[in-house]
Amino acid sequence: MNIILNGEEKQFPEQMSIKDLIKILEIESEKIAIEINGVITPKSEYENYNINHKDKIEIINAVGGG
């Protein structure tokens, strides 16, 4: 399965959920937002949303400041 991840084409061996992708990439899910094909995906859907071939995914890191 190929996806576009933060502007780069990446290949993964099988279909997976957003939660699986976060685990593979070793990202802390509390500090990110995920956009799939131009739509922000709620954290409540990370486990149930299956990523599809050629999905365009942007992972946005939350940055604190003031």
PDB file of N, CA and C in Angstrom:
ATOM      1  N   MET A   1       0.849  -1.173   0.000  1.00  0.00           N
ATOM      2  CA  MET A   1       0.000   0.000   0.000  1.00  0.00           C
ATOM      3  C   MET A   1       0.897   1.238   0.000  1.00  0.00           C
ATOM      4  N   ASN A   2       0.634   2.160  -0.885  1.00  0.00           N
ATOM      5  CA  ASN A   2       1.377   3.415  -0.952  1.00  0.00           C
ATOM      6  C   ASN A   2       0.498   4.554  -0.455  1.00  0.00           C
ATOM      7  N   ILE A   3       1.087   5.444   0.340  1.00  0.00           N
ATOM      8  CA  ILE A   3       0.398   6.645   0.794  1.00  0.00           C
ATOM      9  C   ILE A   3       1.337   7.825   0.603  1.00  0.00           C
ATOM     10  N   ILE A   4       0.769   9.025   0.629  1.00  0.00           N
ATOM     11  CA  ILE A   4       1.572  10.244   0.617  1.00  0.00           C
ATOM     12  C   ILE A   4       1.577  10.745   2.057  1.00  0.00           C
ATOM     13  N   LEU A   5       2.735  10.709   2.712  1.00  0.00           N
ATOM     14  CA  LEU A   5       2.868  11.087   4.112  1.00  0.00           C
ATOM     15  C   LEU A   5       3.719  12.343   4.212  1.00  0.00           C
ATOM     16  N   ASN A   6       3.088  13.430   4.630  1.00  0.00           N
ATOM     17  CA  ASN A   6       3.775  14.721   4.736  1.00  0.00           C
ATOM     18  C   ASN A   6       4.529  15.065   3.450  1.00  0.00           C
ATOM     19  N   GLY A   7       3.861  14.825   2.319  1.00  0.00           N
ATOM     20  CA  GLY A   7       4.410  15.207   1.022  1.00  0.00           C
ATOM     21  C   GLY A   7       5.336  14.199   0.375  1.00  0.00           C
ATOM     22  N   GLU A   8       5.631  13.071   1.041  1.00  0.00           N
ATOM     23  CA  GLU A   8       6.518  12.054   0.484  1.00  0.00           C
ATOM     24  C   GLU A   8       5.776  10.737   0.325  1.00  0.00           C
ATOM     25  N   GLU A   9       5.979  10.076  -0.810  1.00  0.00           N
ATOM     26  CA  GLU A   9       5.336   8.780  -1.009  1.00  0.00           C
ATOM     27  C   GLU A   9       6.042   7.727  -0.150  1.00  0.00           C
ATOM     28  N   LYS A  10       5.245   6.984   0.613  1.00  0.00           N
ATOM     29  CA  LYS A  10       5.766   5.932   1.487  1.00  0.00           C
ATOM     30  C   LYS A  10       5.031   4.637   1.169  1.00  0.00           C
ATOM     31  N   GLN A  11       5.715   3.522   1.348  1.00  0.00           N
ATOM     32  CA  GLN A  11       5.115   2.227   1.089  1.00  0.00           C
ATOM     33  C   GLN A  11       5.043   1.437   2.387  1.00  0.00           C
ATOM     34  N   PHE A  12       3.883   0.805   2.606  1.00  0.00           N
ATOM     35  CA  PHE A  12       3.671  -0.048   3.761  1.00  0.00           C
ATOM     36  C   PHE A  12       3.152  -1.386   3.262  1.00  0.00           C
ATOM     37  N   PRO A  13       3.485  -2.481   3.952  1.00  0.00           N
ATOM     38  CA  PRO A  13       3.150  -3.809   3.447  1.00  0.00           C
ATOM     39  C   PRO A  13       1.669  -4.172   3.469  1.00  0.00           C
ATOM     40  N   GLU A  14       0.882  -3.517   4.314  1.00  0.00           N
ATOM     41  CA  GLU A  14      -0.523  -3.901   4.424  1.00  0.00           C
ATOM     42  C   GLU A  14      -1.372  -2.721   4.869  1.00  0.00           C
ATOM     43  N   GLN A  15      -2.674  -2.898   4.742  1.00  0.00           N
ATOM     44  CA  GLN A  15      -3.596  -1.862   5.190  1.00  0.00           C
ATOM     45  C   GLN A  15      -3.507  -1.730   6.701  1.00  0.00           C
ATOM     46  N   MET A  16      -3.710  -0.520   7.209  1.00  0.00           N
ATOM     47  CA  MET A  16      -3.600  -0.275   8.640  1.00  0.00           C
ATOM     48  C   MET A  16      -4.507   0.874   9.048  1.00  0.00           C
ATOM     49  N   SER A  17      -4.696   1.001  10.346  1.00  0.00           N
ATOM     50  CA  SER A  17      -5.466   2.113  10.885  1.00  0.00           C
ATOM     51  C   SER A  17      -4.521   3.284  11.155  1.00  0.00           C
ATOM     52  N   ILE A  18      -5.096   4.426  11.472  1.00  0.00           N
ATOM     53  CA  ILE A  18      -4.278   5.578  11.854  1.00  0.00           C
ATOM     54  C   ILE A  18      -3.485   5.245  13.110  1.00  0.00           C
ATOM     55  N   LYS A  19      -4.126   4.564  14.048  1.00  0.00           N
ATOM     56  CA  LYS A  19      -3.450   4.167  15.287  1.00  0.00           C
ATOM     57  C   LYS A  19      -2.227   3.302  14.979  1.00  0.00           C
ATOM     58  N   ASP A  20      -2.355   2.364  14.034  1.00  0.00           N
ATOM     59  CA  ASP A  20      -1.225   1.519  13.631  1.00  0.00           C
ATOM     60  C   ASP A  20      -0.095   2.362  13.044  1.00  0.00           C
ATOM     61  N   LEU A  21      -0.445   3.330  12.200  1.00  0.00           N
ATOM     62  CA  LEU A  21       0.559   4.194  11.580  1.00  0.00           C
ATOM     63  C   LEU A  21       1.323   4.987  12.636  1.00  0.00           C
ATOM     64  N   ILE A  22       0.604   5.539  13.603  1.00  0.00           N
ATOM     65  CA  ILE A  22       1.236   6.298  14.685  1.00  0.00           C
ATOM     66  C   ILE A  22       2.220   5.414  15.450  1.00  0.00           C
ATOM     67  N   LYS A  23       1.811   4.169  15.705  1.00  0.00           N
ATOM     68  CA  LYS A  23       2.681   3.237  16.424  1.00  0.00           C
ATOM     69  C   LYS A  23       3.931   2.910  15.613  1.00  0.00           C
ATOM     70  N   ILE A  24       3.760   2.649  14.303  1.00  0.00           N
ATOM     71  CA  ILE A  24       4.902   2.345  13.435  1.00  0.00           C
ATOM     72  C   ILE A  24       5.883   3.515  13.390  1.00  0.00           C
ATOM     73  N   LEU A  25       5.349   4.736  13.318  1.00  0.00           N
ATOM     74  CA  LEU A  25       6.197   5.932  13.230  1.00  0.00           C
ATOM     75  C   LEU A  25       6.730   6.382  14.576  1.00  0.00           C
ATOM     76  N   GLU A  26       6.284   5.728  15.664  1.00  0.00           N
ATOM     77  CA  GLU A  26       6.710   6.038  17.031  1.00  0.00           C
ATOM     78  C   GLU A  26       6.459   7.503  17.381  1.00  0.00           C
ATOM     79  N   ILE A  27       5.218   7.926  17.171  1.00  0.00           N
ATOM     80  CA  ILE A  27       4.806   9.303  17.438  1.00  0.00           C
ATOM     81  C   ILE A  27       3.886   9.314  18.650  1.00  0.00           C
ATOM     82  N   GLU A  28       4.028  10.340  19.501  1.00  0.00           N
ATOM     83  CA  GLU A  28       3.119  10.512  20.634  1.00  0.00           C
ATOM     84  C   GLU A  28       1.816  11.114  20.122  1.00  0.00           C
ATOM     85  N   SER A  29       0.736  10.346  20.184  1.00  0.00           N
ATOM     86  CA  SER A  29      -0.522  10.779  19.580  1.00  0.00           C
ATOM     87  C   SER A  29      -1.193  11.942  20.310  1.00  0.00           C
ATOM     88  N   GLU A  30      -0.817  12.209  21.542  1.00  0.00           N
ATOM     89  CA  GLU A  30      -1.427  13.310  22.284  1.00  0.00           C
ATOM     90  C   GLU A  30      -1.018  14.682  21.738  1.00  0.00           C
ATOM     91  N   LYS A  31       0.080  14.741  21.037  1.00  0.00           N
ATOM     92  CA  LYS A  31       0.635  16.026  20.604  1.00  0.00           C
ATOM     93  C   LYS A  31       0.553  16.257  19.103  1.00  0.00           C
ATOM     94  N   ILE A  32      -0.378  15.559  18.427  1.00  0.00           N
ATOM     95  CA  ILE A  32      -0.471  15.697  16.975  1.00  0.00           C
ATOM     96  C   ILE A  32      -1.916  15.866  16.523  1.00  0.00           C
ATOM     97  N   ALA A  33      -2.050  16.311  15.291  1.00  0.00           N
ATOM     98  CA  ALA A  33      -3.328  16.300  14.571  1.00  0.00           C
ATOM     99  C   ALA A  33      -3.041  15.605  13.247  1.00  0.00           C
ATOM    100  N   ILE A  34      -4.026  14.886  12.741  1.00  0.00           N
ATOM    101  CA  ILE A  34      -3.841  14.161  11.488  1.00  0.00           C
ATOM    102  C   ILE A  34      -4.910  14.584  10.494  1.00  0.00           C
ATOM    103  N   GLU A  35      -4.428  14.934   9.302  1.00  0.00           N
ATOM    104  CA  GLU A  35      -5.312  15.318   8.201  1.00  0.00           C
ATOM    105  C   GLU A  35      -5.192  14.246   7.122  1.00  0.00           C
ATOM    106  N   ILE A  36      -6.336  13.733   6.682  1.00  0.00           N
ATOM    107  CA  ILE A  36      -6.343  12.738   5.615  1.00  0.00           C
ATOM    108  C   ILE A  36      -7.164  13.280   4.466  1.00  0.00           C
ATOM    109  N   ASN A  37      -6.516  13.409   3.316  1.00  0.00           N
ATOM    110  CA  ASN A  37      -7.159  13.929   2.106  1.00  0.00           C
ATOM    111  C   ASN A  37      -7.851  15.265   2.365  1.00  0.00           C
ATOM    112  N   GLY A  38      -7.179  16.127   3.139  1.00  0.00           N
ATOM    113  CA  GLY A  38      -7.678  17.482   3.377  1.00  0.00           C
ATOM    114  C   GLY A  38      -8.660  17.627   4.524  1.00  0.00           C
ATOM    115  N   VAL A  39      -8.931  16.540   5.258  1.00  0.00           N
ATOM    116  CA  VAL A  39      -9.903  16.595   6.352  1.00  0.00           C
ATOM    117  C   VAL A  39      -9.228  16.158   7.651  1.00  0.00           C
ATOM    118  N   ILE A  40      -9.346  16.992   8.698  1.00  0.00           N
ATOM    119  CA  ILE A  40      -8.810  16.631  10.008  1.00  0.00           C
ATOM    120  C   ILE A  40      -9.614  15.454  10.554  1.00  0.00           C
ATOM    121  N   THR A  41      -8.912  14.435  11.017  1.00  0.00           N
ATOM    122  CA  THR A  41      -9.549  13.241  11.559  1.00  0.00           C
ATOM    123  C   THR A  41      -9.543  13.310  13.085  1.00  0.00           C
ATOM    124  N   PRO A  42     -10.701  13.190  13.733  1.00  0.00           N
ATOM    125  CA  PRO A  42     -10.748  13.224  15.202  1.00  0.00           C
ATOM    126  C   PRO A  42      -9.976  12.061  15.818  1.00  0.00           C
ATOM    127  N   LYS A  43      -9.342  12.313  16.964  1.00  0.00           N
ATOM    128  CA  LYS A  43      -8.588  11.264  17.650  1.00  0.00           C
ATOM    129  C   LYS A  43      -9.465  10.058  17.967  1.00  0.00           C
ATOM    130  N   SER A  44     -10.747  10.275  18.170  1.00  0.00           N
ATOM    131  CA  SER A  44     -11.659   9.172  18.484  1.00  0.00           C
ATOM    132  C   SER A  44     -11.784   8.183  17.325  1.00  0.00           C
ATOM    133  N   GLU A  45     -11.369   8.576  16.120  1.00  0.00           N
ATOM    134  CA  GLU A  45     -11.455   7.705  14.949  1.00  0.00           C
ATOM    135  C   GLU A  45     -10.128   7.036  14.579  1.00  0.00           C
ATOM    136  N   TYR A  46      -9.050   7.335  15.293  1.00  0.00           N
ATOM    137  CA  TYR A  46      -7.735   6.803  14.931  1.00  0.00           C
ATOM    138  C   TYR A  46      -7.712   5.274  14.878  1.00  0.00           C
ATOM    139  N   GLU A  47      -8.391   4.612  15.791  1.00  0.00           N
ATOM    140  CA  GLU A  47      -8.354   3.153  15.834  1.00  0.00           C
ATOM    141  C   GLU A  47      -9.220   2.524  14.742  1.00  0.00           C
ATOM    142  N   ASN A  48     -10.301   3.184  14.379  1.00  0.00           N
ATOM    143  CA  ASN A  48     -11.261   2.598  13.438  1.00  0.00           C
ATOM    144  C   ASN A  48     -11.087   3.042  11.990  1.00  0.00           C
ATOM    145  N   TYR A  49     -10.349   4.120  11.740  1.00  0.00           N
ATOM    146  CA  TYR A  49     -10.190   4.622  10.379  1.00  0.00           C
ATOM    147  C   TYR A  49      -9.101   3.820   9.667  1.00  0.00           C
ATOM    148  N   ASN A  50      -9.464   3.119   8.612  1.00  0.00           N
ATOM    149  CA  ASN A  50      -8.484   2.370   7.831  1.00  0.00           C
ATOM    150  C   ASN A  50      -7.938   3.245   6.715  1.00  0.00           C
ATOM    151  N   ILE A  51      -6.625   3.354   6.678  1.00  0.00           N
ATOM    152  CA  ILE A  51      -5.946   4.133   5.647  1.00  0.00           C
ATOM    153  C   ILE A  51      -6.052   3.377   4.327  1.00  0.00           C
ATOM    154  N   ASN A  52      -6.309   4.105   3.269  1.00  0.00           N
ATOM    155  CA  ASN A  52      -6.455   3.508   1.939  1.00  0.00           C
ATOM    156  C   ASN A  52      -5.253   3.816   1.061  1.00  0.00           C
ATOM    157  N   HIS A  53      -5.032   2.973   0.070  1.00  0.00           N
ATOM    158  CA  HIS A  53      -3.974   3.171  -0.921  1.00  0.00           C
ATOM    159  C   HIS A  53      -4.110   4.566  -1.534  1.00  0.00           C
ATOM    160  N   LYS A  54      -3.006   5.288  -1.586  1.00  0.00           N
ATOM    161  CA  LYS A  54      -2.899   6.626  -2.166  1.00  0.00           C
ATOM    162  C   LYS A  54      -3.530   7.740  -1.320  1.00  0.00           C
ATOM    163  N   ASP A  55      -3.914   7.446  -0.058  1.00  0.00           N
ATOM    164  CA  ASP A  55      -4.376   8.522   0.821  1.00  0.00           C
ATOM    165  C   ASP A  55      -3.252   9.527   1.021  1.00  0.00           C
ATOM    166  N   LYS A  56      -3.634  10.788   1.123  1.00  0.00           N
ATOM    167  CA  LYS A  56      -2.677  11.856   1.393  1.00  0.00           C
ATOM    168  C   LYS A  56      -2.817  12.219   2.868  1.00  0.00           C
ATOM    169  N   ILE A  57      -1.772  11.941   3.646  1.00  0.00           N
ATOM    170  CA  ILE A  57      -1.822  12.120   5.094  1.00  0.00           C
ATOM    171  C   ILE A  57      -0.794  13.161   5.526  1.00  0.00           C
ATOM    172  N   GLU A  58      -1.273  14.107   6.323  1.00  0.00           N
ATOM    173  CA  GLU A  58      -0.383  15.103   6.924  1.00  0.00           C
ATOM    174  C   GLU A  58      -0.451  14.930   8.431  1.00  0.00           C
ATOM    175  N   ILE A  59       0.693  14.794   9.063  1.00  0.00           N
ATOM    176  CA  ILE A  59       0.773  14.709  10.520  1.00  0.00           C
ATOM    177  C   ILE A  59       1.330  16.038  11.005  1.00  0.00           C
ATOM    178  N   ILE A  60       0.539  16.709  11.836  1.00  0.00           N
ATOM    179  CA  ILE A  60       0.888  18.046  12.300  1.00  0.00           C
ATOM    180  C   ILE A  60       1.209  17.972  13.785  1.00  0.00           C
ATOM    181  N   ASN A  61       2.400  18.417  14.158  1.00  0.00           N
ATOM    182  CA  ASN A  61       2.812  18.422  15.559  1.00  0.00           C
ATOM    183  C   ASN A  61       2.332  19.693  16.239  1.00  0.00           C
ATOM    184  N   ALA A  62       1.760  19.520  17.435  1.00  0.00           N
ATOM    185  CA  ALA A  62       1.351  20.681  18.227  1.00  0.00           C
ATOM    186  C   ALA A  62       2.598  21.287  18.872  1.00  0.00           C
ATOM    187  N   VAL A  63       2.702  22.601  18.805  1.00  0.00           N
ATOM    188  CA  VAL A  63       3.850  23.293  19.371  1.00  0.00           C
ATOM    189  C   VAL A  63       3.329  24.283  20.408  1.00  0.00           C
ATOM    190  N   GLY A  64       3.846  24.162  21.616  1.00  0.00           N
ATOM    191  CA  GLY A  64       3.444  25.087  22.678  1.00  0.00           C
ATOM    192  C   GLY A  64       4.215  26.394  22.568  1.00  0.00           C
ATOM    193  N   GLY A  65       3.663  27.395  23.133  1.00  0.00           N
ATOM    194  CA  GLY A  65       4.339  28.691  23.108  1.00  0.00           C
ATOM    195  C   GLY A  65       3.434  29.760  23.667  1.00  0.00           C
ATOM    196  N   GLY A  66       3.922  30.928  23.674  1.00  0.00           N
ATOM    197  CA  GLY A  66       3.073  31.945  24.239  1.00  0.00           C
ATOM    198  C   GLY A  66       3.515  33.300  23.969  1.00  0.00           C
TER     199      GLY A  66
END
